Amino acid sequence: MKLGNVLVALAVIFIVLIIIIPINTKLLDFLLILNISFSLLILLLSMYAEDALKITVFPSLLLLATLFRLSLNISTTREILTNADAGKVIETFGE
């Protein structure tokens, strides 16, 4: 097995664990900041790619990023409904 396949499998397992396991607000804040940074990185990658064939991994990358965002959305919704607190990042965007 290639290392890339193992990393994708671990990423999917991590995403499923985010959905299942409740996360404290500090880790949730870190993951949300990581998500925003990752989104900006994907945007810059797509803007500065000279040829579409140079970013063949782009559809898979978008799929994993979307699943990661969805898992964070589920986790933040759970925190808001159970604890009425989803961390500083959500609070800052809400103001």
PDB file of N, CA and C in Angstrom:
ATOM      1  N   MET A   1       0.833  -1.188   0.000  1.00  0.00           N
ATOM      2  CA  MET A   1       0.000   0.000   0.000  1.00  0.00           C
ATOM      3  C   MET A   1       0.875   1.247   0.000  1.00  0.00           C
ATOM      4  N   LYS A   2       0.403   2.239  -0.706  1.00  0.00           N
ATOM      5  CA  LYS A   2       1.134   3.489  -0.769  1.00  0.00           C
ATOM      6  C   LYS A   2       0.845   4.333   0.470  1.00  0.00           C
ATOM      7  N   LEU A   3       1.777   5.219   0.771  1.00  0.00           N
ATOM      8  CA  LEU A   3       1.626   6.094   1.926  1.00  0.00           C
ATOM      9  C   LEU A   3       0.437   7.034   1.751  1.00  0.00           C
ATOM     10  N   GLY A   4       0.203   7.492   0.538  1.00  0.00           N
ATOM     11  CA  GLY A   4      -0.924   8.387   0.280  1.00  0.00           C
ATOM     12  C   GLY A   4      -2.263   7.737   0.577  1.00  0.00           C
ATOM     13  N   ASN A   5      -2.392   6.464   0.224  1.00  0.00           N
ATOM     14  CA  ASN A   5      -3.638   5.741   0.507  1.00  0.00           C
ATOM     15  C   ASN A   5      -3.864   5.581   2.005  1.00  0.00           C
ATOM     16  N   VAL A   6      -2.788   5.331   2.733  1.00  0.00           N
ATOM     17  CA  VAL A   6      -2.890   5.188   4.184  1.00  0.00           C
ATOM     18  C   VAL A   6      -3.281   6.522   4.816  1.00  0.00           C
ATOM     19  N   LEU A   7      -2.706   7.619   4.333  1.00  0.00           N
ATOM     20  CA  LEU A   7      -3.037   8.935   4.881  1.00  0.00           C
ATOM     21  C   LEU A   7      -4.490   9.315   4.609  1.00  0.00           C
ATOM     22  N   VAL A   8      -4.987   8.982   3.445  1.00  0.00           N
ATOM     23  CA  VAL A   8      -6.396   9.264   3.132  1.00  0.00           C
ATOM     24  C   VAL A   8      -7.307   8.435   4.031  1.00  0.00           C
ATOM     25  N   ALA A   9      -6.966   7.178   4.242  1.00  0.00           N
ATOM     26  CA  ALA A   9      -7.773   6.327   5.122  1.00  0.00           C
ATOM     27  C   ALA A   9      -7.761   6.853   6.557  1.00  0.00           C
ATOM     28  N   LEU A  10      -6.603   7.291   7.035  1.00  0.00           N
ATOM     29  CA  LEU A  10      -6.520   7.866   8.380  1.00  0.00           C
ATOM     30  C   LEU A  10      -7.307   9.168   8.477  1.00  0.00           C
ATOM     31  N   ALA A  11      -7.293   9.966   7.422  1.00  0.00           N
ATOM     32  CA  ALA A  11      -8.059  11.216   7.417  1.00  0.00           C
ATOM     33  C   ALA A  11      -9.555  10.934   7.500  1.00  0.00           C
ATOM     34  N   VAL A  12     -10.018   9.930   6.779  1.00  0.00           N
ATOM     35  CA  VAL A  12     -11.442   9.579   6.820  1.00  0.00           C
ATOM     36  C   VAL A  12     -11.824   9.062   8.202  1.00  0.00           C
ATOM     37  N   ILE A  13     -10.971   8.253   8.807  1.00  0.00           N
ATOM     38  CA  ILE A  13     -11.231   7.760  10.165  1.00  0.00           C
ATOM     39  C   ILE A  13     -11.274   8.918  11.152  1.00  0.00           C
ATOM     40  N   PHE A  14     -10.357   9.877  11.005  1.00  0.00           N
ATOM     41  CA  PHE A  14     -10.332  11.059  11.867  1.00  0.00           C
ATOM     42  C   PHE A  14     -11.618  11.872  11.711  1.00  0.00           C
ATOM     43  N   ILE A  15     -12.095  12.010  10.488  1.00  0.00           N
ATOM     44  CA  ILE A  15     -13.327  12.760  10.231  1.00  0.00           C
ATOM     45  C   ILE A  15     -14.520  12.072  10.885  1.00  0.00           C
ATOM     46  N   VAL A  16     -14.581  10.763  10.790  1.00  0.00           N
ATOM     47  CA  VAL A  16     -15.683  10.021  11.419  1.00  0.00           C
ATOM     48  C   VAL A  16     -15.607  10.141  12.938  1.00  0.00           C
ATOM     49  N   LEU A  17     -14.406  10.117  13.495  1.00  0.00           N
ATOM     50  CA  LEU A  17     -14.254  10.268  14.944  1.00  0.00           C
ATOM     51  C   LEU A  17     -14.689  11.648  15.418  1.00  0.00           C
ATOM     52  N   ILE A  18     -14.453  12.673  14.599  1.00  0.00           N
ATOM     53  CA  ILE A  18     -14.910  14.018  14.958  1.00  0.00           C
ATOM     54  C   ILE A  18     -16.432  14.041  15.061  1.00  0.00           C
ATOM     55  N   ILE A  19     -17.094  13.318  14.187  1.00  0.00           N
ATOM     56  CA  ILE A  19     -18.559  13.283  14.212  1.00  0.00           C
ATOM     57  C   ILE A  19     -19.060  12.527  15.440  1.00  0.00           C
ATOM     58  N   ILE A  20     -18.404  11.439  15.805  1.00  0.00           N
ATOM     59  CA  ILE A  20     -18.901  10.565  16.869  1.00  0.00           C
ATOM     60  C   ILE A  20     -18.529  11.064  18.262  1.00  0.00           C
ATOM     61  N   ILE A  21     -17.269  11.438  18.457  1.00  0.00           N
ATOM     62  CA  ILE A  21     -16.767  11.782  19.784  1.00  0.00           C
ATOM     63  C   ILE A  21     -16.980  13.272  20.060  1.00  0.00           C
ATOM     64  N   PRO A  22     -17.551  13.625  21.206  1.00  0.00           N
ATOM     65  CA  PRO A  22     -17.668  15.048  21.555  1.00  0.00           C
ATOM     66  C   PRO A  22     -16.280  15.672  21.765  1.00  0.00           C
ATOM     67  N   ILE A  23     -16.124  16.876  21.263  1.00  0.00           N
ATOM     68  CA  ILE A  23     -14.829  17.558  21.300  1.00  0.00           C
ATOM     69  C   ILE A  23     -14.953  18.779  22.201  1.00  0.00           C
ATOM     70  N   ASN A  24     -13.915  19.044  23.011  1.00  0.00           N
ATOM     71  CA  ASN A  24     -13.961  20.246  23.833  1.00  0.00           C
ATOM     72  C   ASN A  24     -13.764  21.491  22.959  1.00  0.00           C
ATOM     73  N   THR A  25     -14.080  22.635  23.510  1.00  0.00           N
ATOM     74  CA  THR A  25     -14.143  23.852  22.699  1.00  0.00           C
ATOM     75  C   THR A  25     -12.777  24.327  22.217  1.00  0.00           C
ATOM     76  N   LYS A  26     -11.733  24.091  22.984  1.00  0.00           N
ATOM     77  CA  LYS A  26     -10.401  24.537  22.547  1.00  0.00           C
ATOM     78  C   LYS A  26      -9.924  23.740  21.337  1.00  0.00           C
ATOM     79  N   LEU A  27     -10.141  22.445  21.350  1.00  0.00           N
ATOM     80  CA  LEU A  27      -9.783  21.626  20.196  1.00  0.00           C
ATOM     81  C   LEU A  27     -10.668  21.966  19.005  1.00  0.00           C
ATOM     82  N   LEU A  28     -11.920  22.250  19.268  1.00  0.00           N
ATOM     83  CA  LEU A  28     -12.841  22.643  18.201  1.00  0.00           C
ATOM     84  C   LEU A  28     -12.411  23.969  17.575  1.00  0.00           C
ATOM     85  N   ASP A  29     -11.970  24.919  18.399  1.00  0.00           N
ATOM     86  CA  ASP A  29     -11.446  26.185  17.869  1.00  0.00           C
ATOM     87  C   ASP A  29     -10.231  25.950  16.985  1.00  0.00           C
ATOM     88  N   PHE A  30      -9.330  25.088  17.447  1.00  0.00           N
ATOM     89  CA  PHE A  30      -8.136  24.781  16.658  1.00  0.00           C
ATOM     90  C   PHE A  30      -8.506  24.138  15.324  1.00  0.00           C
ATOM     91  N   LEU A  31      -9.441  23.209  15.343  1.00  0.00           N
ATOM     92  CA  LEU A  31      -9.855  22.539  14.108  1.00  0.00           C
ATOM     93  C   LEU A  31     -10.563  23.496  13.155  1.00  0.00           C
ATOM     94  N   LEU A  32     -11.331  24.443  13.691  1.00  0.00           N
ATOM     95  CA  LEU A  32     -11.977  25.436  12.835  1.00  0.00           C
ATOM     96  C   LEU A  32     -10.952  26.367  12.190  1.00  0.00           C
ATOM     97  N   ILE A  33      -9.941  26.772  12.944  1.00  0.00           N
ATOM     98  CA  ILE A  33      -8.870  27.601  12.377  1.00  0.00           C
ATOM     99  C   ILE A  33      -8.089  26.808  11.334  1.00  0.00           C
ATOM    100  N   LEU A  34      -7.848  25.537  11.605  1.00  0.00           N
ATOM    101  CA  LEU A  34      -7.187  24.670  10.635  1.00  0.00           C
ATOM    102  C   LEU A  34      -8.025  24.537   9.366  1.00  0.00           C
ATOM    103  N   ASN A  35      -9.325  24.449   9.517  1.00  0.00           N
ATOM    104  CA  ASN A  35     -10.227  24.348   8.375  1.00  0.00           C
ATOM    105  C   ASN A  35     -10.185  25.616   7.522  1.00  0.00           C
ATOM    106  N   ILE A  36     -10.201  26.770   8.160  1.00  0.00           N
ATOM    107  CA  ILE A  36     -10.135  28.032   7.416  1.00  0.00           C
ATOM    108  C   ILE A  36      -8.804  28.142   6.683  1.00  0.00           C
ATOM    109  N   SER A  37      -7.724  27.776   7.338  1.00  0.00           N
ATOM    110  CA  SER A  37      -6.402  27.820   6.699  1.00  0.00           C
ATOM    111  C   SER A  37      -6.322  26.851   5.526  1.00  0.00           C
ATOM    112  N   PHE A  38      -6.870  25.671   5.711  1.00  0.00           N
ATOM    113  CA  PHE A  38      -6.880  24.661   4.653  1.00  0.00           C
ATOM    114  C   PHE A  38      -7.701  25.133   3.458  1.00  0.00           C
ATOM    115  N   SER A  39      -8.807  25.812   3.728  1.00  0.00           N
ATOM    116  CA  SER A  39      -9.641  26.349   2.644  1.00  0.00           C
ATOM    117  C   SER A  39      -8.901  27.418   1.855  1.00  0.00           C
ATOM    118  N   LEU A  40      -8.185  28.288   2.555  1.00  0.00           N
ATOM    119  CA  LEU A  40      -7.389  29.307   1.863  1.00  0.00           C
ATOM    120  C   LEU A  40      -6.273  28.676   1.044  1.00  0.00           C
ATOM    121  N   LEU A  41      -5.684  27.616   1.561  1.00  0.00           N
ATOM    122  CA  LEU A  41      -4.638  26.911   0.825  1.00  0.00           C
ATOM    123  C   LEU A  41      -5.192  26.279  -0.452  1.00  0.00           C
ATOM    124  N   ILE A  42      -6.368  25.695  -0.380  1.00  0.00           N
ATOM    125  CA  ILE A  42      -7.000  25.117  -1.569  1.00  0.00           C
ATOM    126  C   ILE A  42      -7.326  26.208  -2.583  1.00  0.00           C
ATOM    127  N   LEU A  43      -7.810  27.350  -2.103  1.00  0.00           N
ATOM    128  CA  LEU A  43      -8.119  28.463  -2.998  1.00  0.00           C
ATOM    129  C   LEU A  43      -6.867  28.956  -3.714  1.00  0.00           C
ATOM    130  N   LEU A  44      -5.783  29.131  -2.975  1.00  0.00           N
ATOM    131  CA  LEU A  44      -4.533  29.586  -3.592  1.00  0.00           C
ATOM    132  C   LEU A  44      -3.969  28.545  -4.548  1.00  0.00           C
ATOM    133  N   LEU A  45      -4.105  27.283  -4.207  1.00  0.00           N
ATOM    134  CA  LEU A  45      -3.642  26.214  -5.090  1.00  0.00           C
ATOM    135  C   LEU A  45      -4.385  26.243  -6.415  1.00  0.00           C
ATOM    136  N   SER A  46      -5.686  26.448  -6.347  1.00  0.00           N
ATOM    137  CA  SER A  46      -6.462  26.470  -7.589  1.00  0.00           C
ATOM    138  C   SER A  46      -6.227  27.742  -8.391  1.00  0.00           C
ATOM    139  N   MET A  47      -5.936  28.840  -7.727  1.00  0.00           N
ATOM    140  CA  MET A  47      -5.710  30.092  -8.447  1.00  0.00           C
ATOM    141  C   MET A  47      -4.360  30.121  -9.149  1.00  0.00           C
ATOM    142  N   TYR A  48      -3.347  29.553  -8.531  1.00  0.00           N
ATOM    143  CA  TYR A  48      -1.999  29.647  -9.075  1.00  0.00           C
ATOM    144  C   TYR A  48      -1.559  28.422  -9.867  1.00  0.00           C
ATOM    145  N   ALA A  49      -2.451  27.491 -10.093  1.00  0.00           N
ATOM    146  CA  ALA A  49      -2.107  26.328 -10.916  1.00  0.00           C
ATOM    147  C   ALA A  49      -2.082  26.750 -12.381  1.00  0.00           C
ATOM    148  N   GLU A  50      -0.972  26.484 -13.038  1.00  0.00           N
ATOM    149  CA  GLU A  50      -0.837  26.878 -14.436  1.00  0.00           C
ATOM    150  C   GLU A  50      -1.578  25.926 -15.368  1.00  0.00           C
ATOM    151  N   ASP A  51      -1.659  24.678 -14.976  1.00  0.00           N
ATOM    152  CA  ASP A  51      -2.290  23.678 -15.824  1.00  0.00           C
ATOM    153  C   ASP A  51      -3.157  22.771 -14.955  1.00  0.00           C
ATOM    154  N   ALA A  52      -4.294  22.385 -15.465  1.00  0.00           N
ATOM    155  CA  ALA A  52      -5.207  21.536 -14.694  1.00  0.00           C
ATOM    156  C   ALA A  52      -4.610  20.157 -14.430  1.00  0.00           C
ATOM    157  N   LEU A  53      -3.719  19.711 -15.282  1.00  0.00           N
ATOM    158  CA  LEU A  53      -3.118  18.391 -15.090  1.00  0.00           C
ATOM    159  C   LEU A  53      -2.115  18.367 -13.941  1.00  0.00           C
ATOM    160  N   LYS A  54      -1.688  19.543 -13.472  1.00  0.00           N
ATOM    161  CA  LYS A  54      -0.741  19.594 -12.357  1.00  0.00           C
ATOM    162  C   LYS A  54      -1.418  19.382 -11.012  1.00  0.00           C
ATOM    163  N   ILE A  55      -2.727  19.541 -10.966  1.00  0.00           N
ATOM    164  CA  ILE A  55      -3.450  19.334  -9.706  1.00  0.00           C
ATOM    165  C   ILE A  55      -4.500  18.232  -9.885  1.00  0.00           C
ATOM    166  N   THR A  56      -4.047  17.059 -10.234  1.00  0.00           N
ATOM    167  CA  THR A  56      -4.964  15.935 -10.452  1.00  0.00           C
ATOM    168  C   THR A  56      -5.603  15.451  -9.153  1.00  0.00           C
ATOM    169  N   VAL A  57      -5.020  15.793  -8.029  1.00  0.00           N
ATOM    170  CA  VAL A  57      -5.544  15.368  -6.739  1.00  0.00           C
ATOM    171  C   VAL A  57      -6.681  16.286  -6.271  1.00  0.00           C
ATOM    172  N   PHE A  58      -6.981  17.320  -7.024  1.00  0.00           N
ATOM    173  CA  PHE A  58      -7.940  18.342  -6.609  1.00  0.00           C
ATOM    174  C   PHE A  58      -9.335  17.803  -6.275  1.00  0.00           C
ATOM    175  N   PRO A  59      -9.956  16.932  -7.075  1.00  0.00           N
ATOM    176  CA  PRO A  59     -11.291  16.424  -6.690  1.00  0.00           C
ATOM    177  C   PRO A  59     -11.289  15.652  -5.370  1.00  0.00           C
ATOM    178  N   SER A  60     -10.287  14.849  -5.154  1.00  0.00           N
ATOM    179  CA  SER A  60     -10.198  14.111  -3.885  1.00  0.00           C
ATOM    180  C   SER A  60      -9.955  15.059  -2.721  1.00  0.00           C
ATOM    181  N   LEU A  61      -9.150  16.070  -2.956  1.00  0.00           N
ATOM    182  CA  LEU A  61      -8.870  17.065  -1.922  1.00  0.00           C
ATOM    183  C   LEU A  61     -10.134  17.837  -1.558  1.00  0.00           C
ATOM    184  N   LEU A  62     -10.917  18.202  -2.552  1.00  0.00           N
ATOM    185  CA  LEU A  62     -12.181  18.896  -2.290  1.00  0.00           C
ATOM    186  C   LEU A  62     -13.160  18.008  -1.534  1.00  0.00           C
ATOM    187  N   LEU A  63     -13.200  16.733  -1.865  1.00  0.00           N
ATOM    188  CA  LEU A  63     -14.094  15.808  -1.172  1.00  0.00           C
ATOM    189  C   LEU A  63     -13.711  15.674   0.299  1.00  0.00           C
ATOM    190  N   LEU A  64     -12.425  15.494   0.582  1.00  0.00           N
ATOM    191  CA  LEU A  64     -11.982  15.382   1.972  1.00  0.00           C
ATOM    192  C   LEU A  64     -12.206  16.685   2.733  1.00  0.00           C
ATOM    193  N   ALA A  65     -11.966  17.817   2.086  1.00  0.00           N
ATOM    194  CA  ALA A  65     -12.193  19.105   2.744  1.00  0.00           C
ATOM    195  C   ALA A  65     -13.671  19.305   3.063  1.00  0.00           C
ATOM    196  N   THR A  66     -14.535  18.890   2.156  1.00  0.00           N
ATOM    197  CA  THR A  66     -15.975  19.012   2.391  1.00  0.00           C
ATOM    198  C   THR A  66     -16.425  18.101   3.527  1.00  0.00           C
ATOM    199  N   LEU A  67     -15.908  16.889   3.570  1.00  0.00           N
ATOM    200  CA  LEU A  67     -16.247  15.978   4.670  1.00  0.00           C
ATOM    201  C   LEU A  67     -15.737  16.509   6.007  1.00  0.00           C
ATOM    202  N   PHE A  68     -14.548  17.121   5.999  1.00  0.00           N
ATOM    203  CA  PHE A  68     -13.994  17.704   7.220  1.00  0.00           C
ATOM    204  C   PHE A  68     -14.865  18.867   7.693  1.00  0.00           C
ATOM    205  N   ARG A  69     -15.291  19.722   6.769  1.00  0.00           N
ATOM    206  CA  ARG A  69     -16.169  20.842   7.128  1.00  0.00           C
ATOM    207  C   ARG A  69     -17.511  20.346   7.659  1.00  0.00           C
ATOM    208  N   LEU A  70     -18.040  19.312   7.043  1.00  0.00           N
ATOM    209  CA  LEU A  70     -19.310  18.752   7.500  1.00  0.00           C
ATOM    210  C   LEU A  70     -19.185  18.173   8.908  1.00  0.00           C
ATOM    211  N   SER A  71     -18.090  17.483   9.176  1.00  0.00           N
ATOM    212  CA  SER A  71     -17.892  16.923  10.516  1.00  0.00           C
ATOM    213  C   SER A  71     -17.735  18.027  11.553  1.00  0.00           C
ATOM    214  N   LEU A  72     -17.051  19.117  11.193  1.00  0.00           N
ATOM    215  CA  LEU A  72     -16.936  20.244  12.122  1.00  0.00           C
ATOM    216  C   LEU A  72     -18.285  20.917  12.346  1.00  0.00           C
ATOM    217  N   ASN A  73     -19.075  20.994  11.308  1.00  0.00           N
ATOM    218  CA  ASN A  73     -20.406  21.580  11.442  1.00  0.00           C
ATOM    219  C   ASN A  73     -21.270  20.755  12.393  1.00  0.00           C
ATOM    220  N   ILE A  74     -21.220  19.446  12.263  1.00  0.00           N
ATOM    221  CA  ILE A  74     -21.976  18.566  13.158  1.00  0.00           C
ATOM    222  C   ILE A  74     -21.479  18.702  14.591  1.00  0.00           C
ATOM    223  N   SER A  75     -20.166  18.764  14.757  1.00  0.00           N
ATOM    224  CA  SER A  75     -19.587  18.861  16.091  1.00  0.00           C
ATOM    225  C   SER A  75     -19.913  20.200  16.756  1.00  0.00           C
ATOM    226  N   THR A  76     -19.835  21.287  16.002  1.00  0.00           N
ATOM    227  CA  THR A  76     -20.167  22.592  16.593  1.00  0.00           C
ATOM    228  C   THR A  76     -21.659  22.687  16.913  1.00  0.00           C
ATOM    229  N   THR A  77     -22.493  22.112  16.073  1.00  0.00           N
ATOM    230  CA  THR A  77     -23.931  22.111  16.362  1.00  0.00           C
ATOM    231  C   THR A  77     -24.222  21.324  17.630  1.00  0.00           C
ATOM    232  N   ARG A  78     -23.552  20.200  17.806  1.00  0.00           N
ATOM    233  CA  ARG A  78     -23.728  19.407  19.027  1.00  0.00           C
ATOM    234  C   ARG A  78     -23.297  20.202  20.256  1.00  0.00           C
ATOM    235  N   GLU A  79     -22.169  20.898  20.165  1.00  0.00           N
ATOM    236  CA  GLU A  79     -21.688  21.695  21.296  1.00  0.00           C
ATOM    237  C   GLU A  79     -22.637  22.847  21.611  1.00  0.00           C
ATOM    238  N   ILE A  80     -23.166  23.479  20.584  1.00  0.00           N
ATOM    239  CA  ILE A  80     -24.097  24.588  20.812  1.00  0.00           C
ATOM    240  C   ILE A  80     -25.373  24.085  21.478  1.00  0.00           C
ATOM    241  N   LEU A  81     -25.890  22.957  21.027  1.00  0.00           N
ATOM    242  CA  LEU A  81     -27.149  22.455  21.576  1.00  0.00           C
ATOM    243  C   LEU A  81     -26.995  21.834  22.964  1.00  0.00           C
ATOM    244  N   THR A  82     -25.849  21.225  23.252  1.00  0.00           N
ATOM    245  CA  THR A  82     -25.689  20.580  24.560  1.00  0.00           C
ATOM    246  C   THR A  82     -25.114  21.514  25.613  1.00  0.00           C
ATOM    247  N   ASN A  83     -24.118  22.328  25.249  1.00  0.00           N
ATOM    248  CA  ASN A  83     -23.431  23.163  26.234  1.00  0.00           C
ATOM    249  C   ASN A  83     -23.672  24.655  26.050  1.00  0.00           C
ATOM    250  N   ALA A  84     -24.357  25.037  24.994  1.00  0.00           N
ATOM    251  CA  ALA A  84     -24.588  26.448  24.648  1.00  0.00           C
ATOM    252  C   ALA A  84     -23.274  27.208  24.488  1.00  0.00           C
ATOM    253  N   ASP A  85     -22.226  26.501  24.079  1.00  0.00           N
ATOM    254  CA  ASP A  85     -20.923  27.129  23.868  1.00  0.00           C
ATOM    255  C   ASP A  85     -20.176  26.317  22.819  1.00  0.00           C
ATOM    256  N   ALA A  86     -19.731  27.003  21.773  1.00  0.00           N
ATOM    257  CA  ALA A  86     -18.988  26.307  20.723  1.00  0.00           C
ATOM    258  C   ALA A  86     -17.598  26.884  20.541  1.00  0.00           C
ATOM    259  N   GLY A  87     -17.134  27.676  21.484  1.00  0.00           N
ATOM    260  CA  GLY A  87     -15.781  28.197  21.402  1.00  0.00           C
ATOM    261  C   GLY A  87     -15.728  29.638  20.939  1.00  0.00           C
ATOM    262  N   LYS A  88     -14.518  30.167  20.953  1.00  0.00           N
ATOM    263  CA  LYS A  88     -14.300  31.577  20.627  1.00  0.00           C
ATOM    264  C   LYS A  88     -14.446  31.870  19.141  1.00  0.00           C
ATOM    265  N   VAL A  89     -14.092  30.928  18.284  1.00  0.00           N
ATOM    266  CA  VAL A  89     -14.152  31.179  16.839  1.00  0.00           C
ATOM    267  C   VAL A  89     -15.600  31.371  16.405  1.00  0.00           C
ATOM    268  N   ILE A  90     -16.489  30.513  16.846  1.00  0.00           N
ATOM    269  CA  ILE A  90     -17.906  30.634  16.505  1.00  0.00           C
ATOM    270  C   ILE A  90     -18.482  31.912  17.103  1.00  0.00           C
ATOM    271  N   GLU A  91     -18.098  32.220  18.329  1.00  0.00           N
ATOM    272  CA  GLU A  91     -18.590  33.431  18.983  1.00  0.00           C
ATOM    273  C   GLU A  91     -18.117  34.685  18.253  1.00  0.00           C
ATOM    274  N   THR A  92     -16.871  34.678  17.797  1.00  0.00           N
ATOM    275  CA  THR A  92     -16.329  35.829  17.082  1.00  0.00           C
ATOM    276  C   THR A  92     -17.020  36.026  15.741  1.00  0.00           C
ATOM    277  N   PHE A  93     -17.270  34.957  15.015  1.00  0.00           N
ATOM    278  CA  PHE A  93     -17.971  35.078  13.740  1.00  0.00           C
ATOM    279  C   PHE A  93     -19.427  35.477  13.936  1.00  0.00           C
ATOM    280  N   GLY A  94     -20.004  35.159  15.084  1.00  0.00           N
ATOM    281  CA  GLY A  94     -21.396  35.489  15.342  1.00  0.00           C
ATOM    282  C   GLY A  94     -21.627  36.932  15.727  1.00  0.00           C
ATOM    283  N   GLU A  95     -20.577  37.636  16.124  1.00  0.00           N
ATOM    284  CA  GLU A  95     -20.737  39.041  16.546  1.00  0.00           C
ATOM    285  C   GLU A  95     -20.732  39.984  15.385  1.00  0.00           C
TER     286      GLU A  95
END
